[in-house]
């Protein structure tokens, strides 16, 4: 994870925003006081992390995922062809 000083971040804010979004790589913005450091990440990456945390905190979903993973590893699954949606042309 790259780090940048606050003054440089502020000076090139737009470029850093574009880089964070394009690379899907968080950026540490450092300050004189390390307790004031922050991490900047894309909204899409943030939403993905929050969704993962939500799923992992839900016992029902984690049990379903574990059951499906066990079935898959045991070869107990069916493969299906994808259905093409012609309306989206």
N, C-alpha and C. Protein backbone atom coordinates (compact mmCIF):
# COMPACT_ATOMS: atom_id res chain seq x y z
N UNK A 1 0.85 -1.17 0.00
CA UNK A 1 0.00 0.00 0.00
C UNK A 1 0.90 1.23 0.00
N UNK A 2 0.63 2.13 -0.91
CA UNK A 2 1.41 3.36 -1.04
C UNK A 2 1.00 4.35 0.05
N UNK A 3 1.96 5.19 0.43
CA UNK A 3 1.69 6.25 1.41
C UNK A 3 2.13 7.57 0.81
N UNK A 4 1.40 8.63 1.17
CA UNK A 4 1.71 9.97 0.69
C UNK A 4 1.49 10.95 1.84
N UNK A 5 2.33 11.96 1.89
CA UNK A 5 2.18 13.01 2.91
C UNK A 5 0.93 13.82 2.61
N UNK A 6 0.29 14.29 3.66
CA UNK A 6 -0.95 15.06 3.53
C UNK A 6 -0.79 16.24 2.57
N UNK A 7 0.30 16.97 2.67
CA UNK A 7 0.48 18.15 1.82
C UNK A 7 0.53 17.77 0.34
N UNK A 8 1.21 16.68 0.02
CA UNK A 8 1.26 16.21 -1.37
C UNK A 8 -0.10 15.69 -1.82
N UNK A 9 -0.79 15.01 -0.93
CA UNK A 9 -2.12 14.50 -1.24
C UNK A 9 -3.07 15.65 -1.58
N UNK A 10 -3.04 16.67 -0.74
CA UNK A 10 -3.90 17.83 -0.95
C UNK A 10 -3.58 18.52 -2.27
N UNK A 11 -2.30 18.64 -2.56
CA UNK A 11 -1.85 19.33 -3.77
C UNK A 11 -2.32 18.59 -5.04
N UNK A 12 -2.30 17.26 -5.02
CA UNK A 12 -2.63 16.45 -6.19
C UNK A 12 -3.86 15.58 -5.94
N UNK A 13 -4.82 16.11 -5.22
CA UNK A 13 -6.00 15.36 -4.79
C UNK A 13 -6.69 14.61 -5.93
N UNK A 14 -6.98 15.32 -7.01
CA UNK A 14 -7.70 14.71 -8.13
C UNK A 14 -6.92 13.52 -8.70
N UNK A 15 -5.63 13.68 -8.86
CA UNK A 15 -4.80 12.58 -9.40
C UNK A 15 -4.80 11.38 -8.47
N UNK A 16 -4.70 11.63 -7.17
CA UNK A 16 -4.72 10.52 -6.22
C UNK A 16 -6.08 9.81 -6.22
N UNK A 17 -7.16 10.56 -6.33
CA UNK A 17 -8.49 9.94 -6.40
C UNK A 17 -8.58 9.03 -7.62
N UNK A 18 -8.12 9.53 -8.76
CA UNK A 18 -8.15 8.72 -9.98
C UNK A 18 -7.31 7.46 -9.83
N UNK A 19 -6.13 7.60 -9.22
CA UNK A 19 -5.24 6.45 -9.05
C UNK A 19 -5.86 5.41 -8.11
N UNK A 20 -6.42 5.85 -7.01
CA UNK A 20 -7.05 4.93 -6.06
C UNK A 20 -8.19 4.16 -6.74
N UNK A 21 -9.00 4.86 -7.52
CA UNK A 21 -10.11 4.20 -8.21
C UNK A 21 -9.64 3.28 -9.33
N UNK A 22 -8.66 3.72 -10.09
CA UNK A 22 -8.18 2.92 -11.23
C UNK A 22 -7.44 1.67 -10.78
N UNK A 23 -6.66 1.78 -9.71
CA UNK A 23 -5.82 0.67 -9.26
C UNK A 23 -6.50 -0.23 -8.23
N UNK A 24 -7.63 0.21 -7.68
CA UNK A 24 -8.27 -0.51 -6.57
C UNK A 24 -7.26 -0.79 -5.46
N UNK A 25 -6.42 0.19 -5.22
CA UNK A 25 -5.40 0.07 -4.18
C UNK A 25 -5.57 1.22 -3.20
N UNK A 26 -5.79 0.91 -1.92
CA UNK A 26 -5.93 1.98 -0.92
C UNK A 26 -4.64 2.80 -0.82
N UNK A 27 -4.78 4.00 -0.31
CA UNK A 27 -3.66 4.92 -0.16
C UNK A 27 -3.64 5.43 1.27
N UNK A 28 -2.47 5.38 1.90
CA UNK A 28 -2.32 5.93 3.25
C UNK A 28 -1.91 7.40 3.12
N UNK A 29 -2.67 8.26 3.79
CA UNK A 29 -2.33 9.68 3.82
C UNK A 29 -1.76 9.95 5.21
N UNK A 30 -0.49 10.34 5.23
CA UNK A 30 0.21 10.50 6.51
C UNK A 30 0.20 11.95 6.97
N UNK A 31 0.24 12.11 8.28
CA UNK A 31 0.30 13.42 8.94
C UNK A 31 1.46 13.42 9.92
N UNK A 32 1.76 14.59 10.48
CA UNK A 32 2.83 14.67 11.48
C UNK A 32 2.54 13.77 12.66
N UNK A 33 1.29 13.77 13.09
CA UNK A 33 0.87 12.90 14.19
C UNK A 33 0.31 11.62 13.58
N UNK A 34 0.97 10.48 13.79
CA UNK A 34 0.52 9.22 13.19
C UNK A 34 -0.93 8.85 13.52
N UNK A 35 -1.45 9.37 14.62
CA UNK A 35 -2.85 9.08 14.97
C UNK A 35 -3.82 9.78 14.01
N UNK A 36 -3.34 10.74 13.25
CA UNK A 36 -4.18 11.45 12.29
C UNK A 36 -4.07 10.88 10.87
N UNK A 37 -3.30 9.80 10.69
CA UNK A 37 -3.20 9.17 9.38
C UNK A 37 -4.56 8.60 8.98
N UNK A 38 -4.82 8.60 7.67
CA UNK A 38 -6.07 8.03 7.16
C UNK A 38 -5.76 7.15 5.96
N UNK A 39 -6.72 6.30 5.64
CA UNK A 39 -6.64 5.46 4.45
C UNK A 39 -7.73 5.90 3.49
N UNK A 40 -7.36 6.12 2.24
CA UNK A 40 -8.31 6.51 1.21
C UNK A 40 -8.49 5.31 0.29
N UNK A 41 -9.76 4.95 0.03
CA UNK A 41 -10.04 3.84 -0.88
C UNK A 41 -11.26 4.18 -1.71
N UNK A 42 -11.43 3.44 -2.80
CA UNK A 42 -12.58 3.70 -3.66
C UNK A 42 -13.86 3.28 -2.95
N UNK A 43 -14.95 3.91 -3.32
CA UNK A 43 -16.26 3.57 -2.75
C UNK A 43 -16.61 2.13 -3.08
N UNK A 44 -16.28 1.69 -4.29
CA UNK A 44 -16.56 0.31 -4.70
C UNK A 44 -15.83 -0.69 -3.81
N UNK A 45 -14.56 -0.44 -3.51
CA UNK A 45 -13.80 -1.33 -2.62
C UNK A 45 -14.36 -1.28 -1.20
N UNK A 46 -14.70 -0.09 -0.74
CA UNK A 46 -15.30 0.05 0.60
C UNK A 46 -16.60 -0.75 0.69
N UNK A 47 -17.46 -0.61 -0.32
CA UNK A 47 -18.73 -1.34 -0.32
C UNK A 47 -18.50 -2.85 -0.31
N UNK A 48 -17.50 -3.32 -1.05
CA UNK A 48 -17.19 -4.75 -1.09
C UNK A 48 -16.73 -5.25 0.28
N UNK A 49 -15.91 -4.46 0.95
CA UNK A 49 -15.45 -4.84 2.30
C UNK A 49 -16.62 -4.89 3.26
N UNK A 50 -17.49 -3.88 3.21
CA UNK A 50 -18.64 -3.85 4.10
C UNK A 50 -19.58 -5.04 3.85
N UNK A 51 -19.77 -5.39 2.58
CA UNK A 51 -20.61 -6.55 2.24
C UNK A 51 -20.00 -7.84 2.78
N UNK A 52 -18.69 -7.98 2.63
CA UNK A 52 -18.00 -9.16 3.15
C UNK A 52 -18.13 -9.25 4.67
N UNK A 53 -17.95 -8.13 5.35
CA UNK A 53 -18.11 -8.12 6.81
C UNK A 53 -19.53 -8.48 7.21
N UNK A 54 -20.49 -7.97 6.47
CA UNK A 54 -21.89 -8.26 6.76
C UNK A 54 -22.18 -9.75 6.60
N UNK A 55 -21.70 -10.33 5.51
CA UNK A 55 -21.92 -11.76 5.27
C UNK A 55 -21.23 -12.58 6.35
N UNK A 56 -19.98 -12.23 6.66
CA UNK A 56 -19.23 -13.00 7.66
C UNK A 56 -19.79 -12.88 9.06
N UNK A 57 -20.57 -11.85 9.32
CA UNK A 57 -21.17 -11.70 10.65
C UNK A 57 -22.55 -12.35 10.72
N UNK A 58 -23.03 -12.91 9.62
CA UNK A 58 -24.33 -13.55 9.56
C UNK A 58 -24.13 -15.07 9.60
N UNK A 59 -24.44 -15.69 10.75
CA UNK A 59 -24.22 -17.14 10.92
C UNK A 59 -24.96 -17.96 9.87
N UNK A 60 -26.19 -17.57 9.55
CA UNK A 60 -26.98 -18.32 8.57
C UNK A 60 -26.27 -18.33 7.22
N UNK A 61 -25.80 -17.18 6.75
CA UNK A 61 -25.13 -17.11 5.45
C UNK A 61 -23.79 -17.85 5.46
N UNK A 62 -23.02 -17.70 6.53
CA UNK A 62 -21.72 -18.38 6.56
C UNK A 62 -21.91 -19.89 6.59
N UNK A 63 -22.96 -20.38 7.24
CA UNK A 63 -23.24 -21.82 7.24
C UNK A 63 -23.64 -22.29 5.84
N UNK A 64 -24.46 -21.49 5.14
CA UNK A 64 -24.85 -21.85 3.77
C UNK A 64 -23.63 -21.87 2.85
N UNK A 65 -22.76 -20.90 2.99
CA UNK A 65 -21.55 -20.85 2.17
C UNK A 65 -20.66 -22.06 2.46
N UNK A 66 -20.49 -22.38 3.73
CA UNK A 66 -19.66 -23.53 4.12
C UNK A 66 -20.26 -24.83 3.58
N UNK A 67 -21.58 -24.94 3.64
CA UNK A 67 -22.25 -26.14 3.12
C UNK A 67 -22.05 -26.25 1.61
N UNK A 68 -22.22 -25.15 0.91
CA UNK A 68 -22.02 -25.15 -0.54
C UNK A 68 -20.58 -25.46 -0.91
N UNK A 69 -19.64 -24.92 -0.17
CA UNK A 69 -18.22 -25.18 -0.41
C UNK A 69 -17.92 -26.67 -0.22
N UNK A 70 -18.48 -27.24 0.83
CA UNK A 70 -18.27 -28.67 1.10
C UNK A 70 -18.87 -29.52 -0.02
N UNK A 71 -20.07 -29.17 -0.48
CA UNK A 71 -20.70 -29.90 -1.58
C UNK A 71 -19.87 -29.78 -2.85
N UNK A 72 -19.37 -28.60 -3.13
CA UNK A 72 -18.57 -28.39 -4.34
C UNK A 72 -17.30 -29.23 -4.29
N UNK A 73 -16.61 -29.21 -3.15
CA UNK A 73 -15.37 -29.97 -3.01
C UNK A 73 -15.62 -31.46 -3.12
N UNK A 74 -16.82 -31.91 -2.74
CA UNK A 74 -17.17 -33.33 -2.83
C UNK A 74 -17.68 -33.69 -4.23
N UNK A 75 -17.75 -32.71 -5.12
CA UNK A 75 -18.21 -32.97 -6.48
C UNK A 75 -19.72 -33.09 -6.61
N UNK A 76 -20.44 -32.63 -5.61
CA UNK A 76 -21.90 -32.73 -5.61
C UNK A 76 -22.50 -31.43 -6.13
N UNK A 77 -22.34 -31.21 -7.43
CA UNK A 77 -22.90 -30.02 -8.05
C UNK A 77 -23.27 -30.33 -9.49
N UNK A 78 -24.08 -29.48 -10.06
CA UNK A 78 -24.48 -29.60 -11.46
C UNK A 78 -24.02 -28.35 -12.19
N UNK A 79 -23.50 -28.55 -13.38
CA UNK A 79 -23.07 -27.41 -14.19
C UNK A 79 -24.17 -27.11 -15.19
N UNK A 80 -24.48 -25.83 -15.34
CA UNK A 80 -25.53 -25.39 -16.26
C UNK A 80 -24.96 -24.37 -17.23
N UNK A 81 -25.53 -24.32 -18.42
CA UNK A 81 -25.16 -23.30 -19.39
C UNK A 81 -25.77 -21.97 -18.96
N UNK A 82 -25.09 -20.89 -19.24
CA UNK A 82 -25.63 -19.57 -18.94
C UNK A 82 -26.76 -19.25 -19.92
N UNK A 83 -27.75 -18.57 -19.41
CA UNK A 83 -28.86 -18.14 -20.26
C UNK A 83 -28.54 -16.77 -20.80
N UNK A 84 -28.55 -16.62 -22.11
CA UNK A 84 -28.29 -15.33 -22.74
C UNK A 84 -29.57 -14.52 -22.72
N UNK A 85 -29.46 -13.26 -22.30
CA UNK A 85 -30.59 -12.35 -22.29
C UNK A 85 -30.50 -11.48 -23.53
N UNK A 86 -31.34 -11.75 -24.53
CA UNK A 86 -31.28 -11.03 -25.80
C UNK A 86 -31.83 -9.61 -25.70
N UNK A 87 -32.51 -9.29 -24.61
CA UNK A 87 -33.12 -7.96 -24.45
C UNK A 87 -32.08 -6.87 -24.19
N UNK A 88 -30.87 -7.24 -23.81
CA UNK A 88 -29.86 -6.25 -23.44
C UNK A 88 -28.96 -5.85 -24.60
N UNK A 89 -29.32 -6.15 -25.82
CA UNK A 89 -28.50 -5.81 -26.98
C UNK A 89 -28.52 -4.34 -27.28
